[in-house]
Amino acid sequence: MEPTIQKGAYVGIAPLNGAVSEGGIYLVSVPLFGRVIKRLHLGDGGCIELISDNSKYPPRRLPLEQYESVVVGKVAWVWQEL
């Protein structure tokens, strides 16, 4: 999520309460990558797009009905050097 969240930052996660917000930043479980932080957008055709603020990583799509098994929690705070 660089440049928004820098490598080595501490991130506080609030458990998912059942709903996600458009453009919110979440901890998600992605196969082969483990747990990563991504921004969520509602995509076309009933899917959720996992977006990185780092353009090096392309968006990933997942069916809307699967978000509860992928989204772990919402980023509540970030502590990093400026």
PDB file of N, CA and C in Angstrom:
ATOM      1  N   MET A   1       0.814  -1.198   0.000  1.00  0.00           N
ATOM      2  CA  MET A   1       0.000   0.000   0.000  1.00  0.00           C
ATOM      3  C   MET A   1       0.857   1.262   0.000  1.00  0.00           C
ATOM      4  N   GLU A   2       2.142   1.096  -0.312  1.00  0.00           N
ATOM      5  CA  GLU A   2       2.960   2.295  -0.439  1.00  0.00           C
ATOM      6  C   GLU A   2       2.457   3.117  -1.614  1.00  0.00           C
ATOM      7  N   PRO A   3       2.398   4.385  -1.551  1.00  0.00           N
ATOM      8  CA  PRO A   3       2.970   5.278  -0.557  1.00  0.00           C
ATOM      9  C   PRO A   3       2.061   5.583   0.629  1.00  0.00           C
ATOM     10  N   THR A   4       0.806   5.146   0.620  1.00  0.00           N
ATOM     11  CA  THR A   4      -0.116   5.460   1.712  1.00  0.00           C
ATOM     12  C   THR A   4       0.360   4.872   3.036  1.00  0.00           C
ATOM     13  N   ILE A   5       0.681   3.591   3.039  1.00  0.00           N
ATOM     14  CA  ILE A   5       1.209   2.924   4.231  1.00  0.00           C
ATOM     15  C   ILE A   5       2.603   2.432   3.876  1.00  0.00           C
ATOM     16  N   GLN A   6       3.610   2.956   4.576  1.00  0.00           N
ATOM     17  CA  GLN A   6       5.001   2.646   4.258  1.00  0.00           C
ATOM     18  C   GLN A   6       5.429   1.300   4.834  1.00  0.00           C
ATOM     19  N   LYS A   7       6.406   0.691   4.183  1.00  0.00           N
ATOM     20  CA  LYS A   7       6.979  -0.559   4.660  1.00  0.00           C
ATOM     21  C   LYS A   7       7.513  -0.339   6.068  1.00  0.00           C
ATOM     22  N   GLY A   8       7.193  -1.240   6.974  1.00  0.00           N
ATOM     23  CA  GLY A   8       7.640  -1.140   8.355  1.00  0.00           C
ATOM     24  C   GLY A   8       6.673  -0.416   9.278  1.00  0.00           C
ATOM     25  N   ALA A   9       5.555   0.083   8.739  1.00  0.00           N
ATOM     26  CA  ALA A   9       4.568   0.787   9.559  1.00  0.00           C
ATOM     27  C   ALA A   9       3.817  -0.208  10.443  1.00  0.00           C
ATOM     28  N   TYR A  10       3.332   0.283  11.569  1.00  0.00           N
ATOM     29  CA  TYR A  10       2.450  -0.497  12.428  1.00  0.00           C
ATOM     30  C   TYR A  10       1.022  -0.145  12.046  1.00  0.00           C
ATOM     31  N   VAL A  11       0.181  -1.179  11.928  1.00  0.00           N
ATOM     32  CA  VAL A  11      -1.190  -0.972  11.475  1.00  0.00           C
ATOM     33  C   VAL A  11      -2.142  -1.651  12.458  1.00  0.00           C
ATOM     34  N   GLY A  12      -3.121  -0.887  12.940  1.00  0.00           N
ATOM     35  CA  GLY A  12      -4.150  -1.436  13.817  1.00  0.00           C
ATOM     36  C   GLY A  12      -5.350  -1.868  12.993  1.00  0.00           C
ATOM     37  N   ILE A  13      -5.862  -3.058  13.280  1.00  0.00           N
ATOM     38  CA  ILE A  13      -6.977  -3.617  12.518  1.00  0.00           C
ATOM     39  C   ILE A  13      -8.186  -3.808  13.427  1.00  0.00           C
ATOM     40  N   ALA A  14      -9.334  -3.288  13.007  1.00  0.00           N
ATOM     41  CA  ALA A  14     -10.602  -3.523  13.706  1.00  0.00           C
ATOM     42  C   ALA A  14     -11.284  -4.713  13.036  1.00  0.00           C
ATOM     43  N   PRO A  15     -11.814  -5.654  13.806  1.00  0.00           N
ATOM     44  CA  PRO A  15     -12.487  -6.809  13.200  1.00  0.00           C
ATOM     45  C   PRO A  15     -13.615  -6.371  12.266  1.00  0.00           C
ATOM     46  N   LEU A  16     -13.817  -7.137  11.224  1.00  0.00           N
ATOM     47  CA  LEU A  16     -14.884  -6.841  10.261  1.00  0.00           C
ATOM     48  C   LEU A  16     -16.233  -6.986  10.952  1.00  0.00           C
ATOM     49  N   ASN A  17     -17.090  -5.975  10.798  1.00  0.00           N
ATOM     50  CA  ASN A  17     -18.407  -6.004  11.445  1.00  0.00           C
ATOM     51  C   ASN A  17     -19.519  -6.432  10.493  1.00  0.00           C
ATOM     52  N   GLY A  18     -19.145  -6.993   9.345  1.00  0.00           N
ATOM     53  CA  GLY A  18     -20.140  -7.494   8.407  1.00  0.00           C
ATOM     54  C   GLY A  18     -20.371  -6.616   7.209  1.00  0.00           C
ATOM     55  N   ALA A  19     -19.916  -5.364   7.257  1.00  0.00           N
ATOM     56  CA  ALA A  19     -20.121  -4.462   6.123  1.00  0.00           C
ATOM     57  C   ALA A  19     -18.784  -3.839   5.733  1.00  0.00           C
ATOM     58  N   VAL A  20     -18.611  -3.562   4.455  1.00  0.00           N
ATOM     59  CA  VAL A  20     -17.412  -2.877   3.980  1.00  0.00           C
ATOM     60  C   VAL A  20     -17.833  -1.547   3.362  1.00  0.00           C
ATOM     61  N   SER A  21     -16.923  -0.577   3.386  1.00  0.00           N
ATOM     62  CA  SER A  21     -17.243   0.727   2.809  1.00  0.00           C
ATOM     63  C   SER A  21     -16.423   0.959   1.544  1.00  0.00           C
ATOM     64  N   GLU A  22     -17.031   1.594   0.578  1.00  0.00           N
ATOM     65  CA  GLU A  22     -16.388   1.904  -0.700  1.00  0.00           C
ATOM     66  C   GLU A  22     -15.127   2.740  -0.450  1.00  0.00           C
ATOM     67  N   GLY A  23     -13.994   2.271  -0.972  1.00  0.00           N
ATOM     68  CA  GLY A  23     -12.743   2.994  -0.846  1.00  0.00           C
ATOM     69  C   GLY A  23     -12.033   2.795   0.482  1.00  0.00           C
ATOM     70  N   GLY A  24     -12.618   2.010   1.377  1.00  0.00           N
ATOM     71  CA  GLY A  24     -11.995   1.746   2.671  1.00  0.00           C
ATOM     72  C   GLY A  24     -10.758   0.871   2.526  1.00  0.00           C
ATOM     73  N   ILE A  25      -9.871   0.931   3.518  1.00  0.00           N
ATOM     74  CA  ILE A  25      -8.641   0.141   3.496  1.00  0.00           C
ATOM     75  C   ILE A  25      -8.800  -1.009   4.485  1.00  0.00           C
ATOM     76  N   TYR A  26      -8.551  -2.234   3.990  1.00  0.00           N
ATOM     77  CA  TYR A  26      -8.824  -3.443   4.766  1.00  0.00           C
ATOM     78  C   TYR A  26      -7.651  -4.418   4.748  1.00  0.00           C
ATOM     79  N   LEU A  27      -7.603  -5.256   5.775  1.00  0.00           N
ATOM     80  CA  LEU A  27      -6.697  -6.402   5.798  1.00  0.00           C
ATOM     81  C   LEU A  27      -7.455  -7.543   5.139  1.00  0.00           C
ATOM     82  N   VAL A  28      -6.866  -8.116   4.091  1.00  0.00           N
ATOM     83  CA  VAL A  28      -7.515  -9.200   3.365  1.00  0.00           C
ATOM     84  C   VAL A  28      -6.576 -10.397   3.277  1.00  0.00           C
ATOM     85  N   SER A  29      -7.147 -11.570   3.191  1.00  0.00           N
ATOM     86  CA  SER A  29      -6.391 -12.803   3.053  1.00  0.00           C
ATOM     87  C   SER A  29      -6.412 -13.216   1.588  1.00  0.00           C
ATOM     88  N   VAL A  30      -5.249 -13.158   0.945  1.00  0.00           N
ATOM     89  CA  VAL A  30      -5.127 -13.449  -0.480  1.00  0.00           C
ATOM     90  C   VAL A  30      -4.267 -14.698  -0.661  1.00  0.00           C
ATOM     91  N   PRO A  31      -4.807 -15.752  -1.290  1.00  0.00           N
ATOM     92  CA  PRO A  31      -4.008 -16.960  -1.514  1.00  0.00           C
ATOM     93  C   PRO A  31      -2.666 -16.643  -2.184  1.00  0.00           C
ATOM     94  N   LEU A  32      -1.653 -17.322  -1.770  1.00  0.00           N
ATOM     95  CA  LEU A  32      -0.268 -17.199  -2.219  1.00  0.00           C
ATOM     96  C   LEU A  32       0.452 -15.969  -1.655  1.00  0.00           C
ATOM     97  N   PHE A  33      -0.283 -14.956  -1.210  1.00  0.00           N
ATOM     98  CA  PHE A  33       0.342 -13.758  -0.647  1.00  0.00           C
ATOM     99  C   PHE A  33       0.145 -13.661   0.853  1.00  0.00           C
ATOM    100  N   GLY A  34      -0.834 -14.365   1.398  1.00  0.00           N
ATOM    101  CA  GLY A  34      -1.135 -14.271   2.823  1.00  0.00           C
ATOM    102  C   GLY A  34      -2.026 -13.085   3.110  1.00  0.00           C
ATOM    103  N   ARG A  35      -1.807 -12.463   4.253  1.00  0.00           N
ATOM    104  CA  ARG A  35      -2.612 -11.302   4.631  1.00  0.00           C
ATOM    105  C   ARG A  35      -1.939 -10.034   4.138  1.00  0.00           C
ATOM    106  N   VAL A  36      -2.690  -9.240   3.394  1.00  0.00           N
ATOM    107  CA  VAL A  36      -2.184  -7.994   2.816  1.00  0.00           C
ATOM    108  C   VAL A  36      -3.220  -6.888   3.020  1.00  0.00           C
ATOM    109  N   ILE A  37      -2.769  -5.656   2.900  1.00  0.00           N
ATOM    110  CA  ILE A  37      -3.657  -4.514   3.058  1.00  0.00           C
ATOM    111  C   ILE A  37      -4.012  -3.976   1.676  1.00  0.00           C
ATOM    112  N   LYS A  38      -5.304  -3.822   1.434  1.00  0.00           N
ATOM    113  CA  LYS A  38      -5.799  -3.349   0.132  1.00  0.00           C
ATOM    114  C   LYS A  38      -6.962  -2.385   0.332  1.00  0.00           C
ATOM    115  N   ARG A  39      -7.167  -1.534  -0.649  1.00  0.00           N
ATOM    116  CA  ARG A  39      -8.322  -0.650  -0.698  1.00  0.00           C
ATOM    117  C   ARG A  39      -9.430  -1.400  -1.447  1.00  0.00           C
ATOM    118  N   LEU A  40     -10.674  -1.315  -0.976  1.00  0.00           N
ATOM    119  CA  LEU A  40     -11.788  -2.027  -1.610  1.00  0.00           C
ATOM    120  C   LEU A  40     -12.666  -1.070  -2.411  1.00  0.00           C
ATOM    121  N   HIS A  41     -12.997  -1.495  -3.625  1.00  0.00           N
ATOM    122  CA  HIS A  41     -13.932  -0.765  -4.481  1.00  0.00           C
ATOM    123  C   HIS A  41     -14.964  -1.746  -5.002  1.00  0.00           C
ATOM    124  N   LEU A  42     -16.173  -1.279  -5.173  1.00  0.00           N
ATOM    125  CA  LEU A  42     -17.204  -2.111  -5.791  1.00  0.00           C
ATOM    126  C   LEU A  42     -16.988  -2.080  -7.290  1.00  0.00           C
ATOM    127  N   GLY A  43     -16.791  -3.241  -7.873  1.00  0.00           N
ATOM    128  CA  GLY A  43     -16.525  -3.334  -9.305  1.00  0.00           C
ATOM    129  C   GLY A  43     -17.794  -3.607 -10.095  1.00  0.00           C
ATOM    130  N   ASP A  44     -17.625  -3.699 -11.390  1.00  0.00           N
ATOM    131  CA  ASP A  44     -18.740  -4.011 -12.279  1.00  0.00           C
ATOM    132  C   ASP A  44     -19.135  -5.473 -12.135  1.00  0.00           C
ATOM    133  N   GLY A  45     -20.385  -5.767 -12.361  1.00  0.00           N
ATOM    134  CA  GLY A  45     -20.840  -7.153 -12.401  1.00  0.00           C
ATOM    135  C   GLY A  45     -20.885  -7.842 -11.058  1.00  0.00           C
ATOM    136  N   GLY A  46     -21.095  -7.115  -9.975  1.00  0.00           N
ATOM    137  CA  GLY A  46     -21.233  -7.750  -8.668  1.00  0.00           C
ATOM    138  C   GLY A  46     -19.956  -8.323  -8.114  1.00  0.00           C
ATOM    139  N   CYS A  47     -18.875  -7.578  -8.200  1.00  0.00           N
ATOM    140  CA  CYS A  47     -17.613  -8.051  -7.634  1.00  0.00           C
ATOM    141  C   CYS A  47     -16.998  -6.943  -6.780  1.00  0.00           C
ATOM    142  N   ILE A  48     -16.008  -7.331  -6.007  1.00  0.00           N
ATOM    143  CA  ILE A  48     -15.220  -6.378  -5.233  1.00  0.00           C
ATOM    144  C   ILE A  48     -13.821  -6.373  -5.822  1.00  0.00           C
ATOM    145  N   GLU A  49     -13.265  -5.186  -5.994  1.00  0.00           N
ATOM    146  CA  GLU A  49     -11.888  -5.065  -6.477  1.00  0.00           C
ATOM    147  C   GLU A  49     -10.980  -4.733  -5.306  1.00  0.00           C
ATOM    148  N   LEU A  50      -9.887  -5.491  -5.197  1.00  0.00           N
ATOM    149  CA  LEU A  50      -8.861  -5.228  -4.193  1.00  0.00           C
ATOM    150  C   LEU A  50      -7.789  -4.400  -4.878  1.00  0.00           C
ATOM    151  N   ILE A  51      -7.647  -3.150  -4.451  1.00  0.00           N
ATOM    152  CA  ILE A  51      -6.765  -2.194  -5.109  1.00  0.00           C
ATOM    153  C   ILE A  51      -5.588  -1.871  -4.209  1.00  0.00           C
ATOM    154  N   SER A  52      -4.402  -1.841  -4.772  1.00  0.00           N
ATOM    155  CA  SER A  52      -3.217  -1.381  -4.055  1.00  0.00           C
ATOM    156  C   SER A  52      -2.946   0.059  -4.450  1.00  0.00           C
ATOM    157  N   ASP A  53      -2.516   0.884  -3.503  1.00  0.00           N
ATOM    158  CA  ASP A  53      -2.136   2.255  -3.837  1.00  0.00           C
ATOM    159  C   ASP A  53      -0.803   2.277  -4.571  1.00  0.00           C
ATOM    160  N   ASN A  54      -0.111   1.147  -4.608  1.00  0.00           N
ATOM    161  CA  ASN A  54       1.139   0.995  -5.345  1.00  0.00           C
ATOM    162  C   ASN A  54       0.778   0.442  -6.730  1.00  0.00           C
ATOM    163  N   SER A  55       1.019   1.235  -7.764  1.00  0.00           N
ATOM    164  CA  SER A  55       0.634   0.839  -9.124  1.00  0.00           C
ATOM    165  C   SER A  55       1.381  -0.391  -9.639  1.00  0.00           C
ATOM    166  N   LYS A  56       2.391  -0.827  -8.922  1.00  0.00           N
ATOM    167  CA  LYS A  56       3.147  -2.031  -9.290  1.00  0.00           C
ATOM    168  C   LYS A  56       2.268  -3.291  -9.208  1.00  0.00           C
ATOM    169  N   TYR A  57       1.220  -3.228  -8.385  1.00  0.00           N
ATOM    170  CA  TYR A  57       0.351  -4.380  -8.181  1.00  0.00           C
ATOM    171  C   TYR A  57      -1.011  -4.131  -8.830  1.00  0.00           C
ATOM    172  N   PRO A  58      -1.420  -4.992  -9.754  1.00  0.00           N
ATOM    173  CA  PRO A  58      -2.714  -4.802 -10.436  1.00  0.00           C
ATOM    174  C   PRO A  58      -3.882  -5.128  -9.499  1.00  0.00           C
ATOM    175  N   PRO A  59      -5.063  -4.586  -9.795  1.00  0.00           N
ATOM    176  CA  PRO A  59      -6.257  -4.909  -8.994  1.00  0.00           C
ATOM    177  C   PRO A  59      -6.590  -6.394  -9.097  1.00  0.00           C
ATOM    178  N   ARG A  60      -7.171  -6.921  -8.026  1.00  0.00           N
ATOM    179  CA  ARG A  60      -7.664  -8.299  -8.023  1.00  0.00           C
ATOM    180  C   ARG A  60      -9.162  -8.231  -7.791  1.00  0.00           C
ATOM    181  N   ARG A  61      -9.893  -9.095  -8.458  1.00  0.00           N
ATOM    182  CA  ARG A  61     -11.352  -9.119  -8.334  1.00  0.00           C
ATOM    183  C   ARG A  61     -11.793 -10.387  -7.627  1.00  0.00           C
ATOM    184  N   LEU A  62     -12.867 -10.245  -6.847  1.00  0.00           N
ATOM    185  CA  LEU A  62     -13.464 -11.418  -6.243  1.00  0.00           C
ATOM    186  C   LEU A  62     -14.969 -11.226  -6.203  1.00  0.00           C
ATOM    187  N   PRO A  63     -15.725 -12.320  -6.286  1.00  0.00           N
ATOM    188  CA  PRO A  63     -17.187 -12.215  -6.253  1.00  0.00           C
ATOM    189  C   PRO A  63     -17.655 -11.579  -4.945  1.00  0.00           C
ATOM    190  N   LEU A  64     -18.657 -10.759  -5.033  1.00  0.00           N
ATOM    191  CA  LEU A  64     -19.184 -10.042  -3.875  1.00  0.00           C
ATOM    192  C   LEU A  64     -19.542 -10.991  -2.732  1.00  0.00           C
ATOM    193  N   GLU A  65     -20.113 -12.132  -3.065  1.00  0.00           N
ATOM    194  CA  GLU A  65     -20.544 -13.060  -2.012  1.00  0.00           C
ATOM    195  C   GLU A  65     -19.376 -13.704  -1.269  1.00  0.00           C
ATOM    196  N   GLN A  66     -18.154 -13.564  -1.742  1.00  0.00           N
ATOM    197  CA  GLN A  66     -16.995 -14.159  -1.075  1.00  0.00           C
ATOM    198  C   GLN A  66     -16.252 -13.188  -0.158  1.00  0.00           C
ATOM    199  N   TYR A  67     -16.692 -11.928  -0.086  1.00  0.00           N
ATOM    200  CA  TYR A  67     -15.904 -10.949   0.655  1.00  0.00           C
ATOM    201  C   TYR A  67     -15.748 -11.298   2.135  1.00  0.00           C
ATOM    202  N   GLU A  68     -16.762 -11.911   2.761  1.00  0.00           N
ATOM    203  CA  GLU A  68     -16.661 -12.232   4.185  1.00  0.00           C
ATOM    204  C   GLU A  68     -15.606 -13.289   4.478  1.00  0.00           C
ATOM    205  N   SER A  69     -15.271 -14.127   3.500  1.00  0.00           N
ATOM    206  CA  SER A  69     -14.240 -15.139   3.713  1.00  0.00           C
ATOM    207  C   SER A  69     -12.842 -14.605   3.394  1.00  0.00           C
ATOM    208  N   VAL A  70     -12.762 -13.428   2.789  1.00  0.00           N
ATOM    209  CA  VAL A  70     -11.476 -12.845   2.382  1.00  0.00           C
ATOM    210  C   VAL A  70     -11.101 -11.636   3.235  1.00  0.00           C
ATOM    211  N   VAL A  71     -12.068 -10.785   3.534  1.00  0.00           N
ATOM    212  CA  VAL A  71     -11.800  -9.561   4.294  1.00  0.00           C
ATOM    213  C   VAL A  71     -11.732  -9.902   5.783  1.00  0.00           C
ATOM    214  N   VAL A  72     -10.571  -9.629   6.397  1.00  0.00           N
ATOM    215  CA  VAL A  72     -10.346  -9.961   7.807  1.00  0.00           C
ATOM    216  C   VAL A  72     -10.796  -8.829   8.714  1.00  0.00           C
ATOM    217  N   GLY A  73     -10.445  -7.592   8.370  1.00  0.00           N
ATOM    218  CA  GLY A  73     -10.800  -6.450   9.205  1.00  0.00           C
ATOM    219  C   GLY A  73     -10.458  -5.148   8.513  1.00  0.00           C
ATOM    220  N   LYS A  74     -10.861  -4.036   9.133  1.00  0.00           N
ATOM    221  CA  LYS A  74     -10.637  -2.709   8.563  1.00  0.00           C
ATOM    222  C   LYS A  74      -9.448  -2.038   9.259  1.00  0.00           C
ATOM    223  N   VAL A  75      -8.635  -1.331   8.473  1.00  0.00           N
ATOM    224  CA  VAL A  75      -7.516  -0.588   9.044  1.00  0.00           C
ATOM    225  C   VAL A  75      -8.100   0.539   9.894  1.00  0.00           C
ATOM    226  N   ALA A  76      -7.754   0.544  11.193  1.00  0.00           N
ATOM    227  CA  ALA A  76      -8.272   1.538  12.129  1.00  0.00           C
ATOM    228  C   ALA A  76      -7.277   2.675  12.347  1.00  0.00           C
ATOM    229  N   TRP A  77      -5.982   2.358  12.329  1.00  0.00           N
ATOM    230  CA  TRP A  77      -4.946   3.370  12.506  1.00  0.00           C
ATOM    231  C   TRP A  77      -3.639   2.882  11.906  1.00  0.00           C
ATOM    232  N   VAL A  78      -2.757   3.845  11.602  1.00  0.00           N
ATOM    233  CA  VAL A  78      -1.427   3.546  11.046  1.00  0.00           C
ATOM    234  C   VAL A  78      -0.422   4.397  11.791  1.00  0.00           C
ATOM    235  N   TRP A  79       0.662   3.772  12.238  1.00  0.00           N
ATOM    236  CA  TRP A  79       1.748   4.477  12.908  1.00  0.00           C
ATOM    237  C   TRP A  79       2.999   4.272  12.066  1.00  0.00           C
ATOM    238  N   GLN A  80       3.504   5.368  11.488  1.00  0.00           N
ATOM    239  CA  GLN A  80       4.683   5.268  10.634  1.00  0.00           C
ATOM    240  C   GLN A  80       5.477   6.566  10.699  1.00  0.00           C
ATOM    241  N   GLU A  81       6.750   6.474  10.326  1.00  0.00           N
ATOM    242  CA  GLU A  81       7.596   7.662  10.272  1.00  0.00           C
ATOM    243  C   GLU A  81       7.221   8.483   9.053  1.00  0.00           C
ATOM    244  N   LEU A  82       7.303   9.789   9.195  1.00  0.00           N
ATOM    245  CA  LEU A  82       6.990  10.669   8.076  1.00  0.00           C
ATOM    246  C   LEU A  82       8.247  11.069   7.347  1.00  0.00           C
TER     247      LEU A  82
END
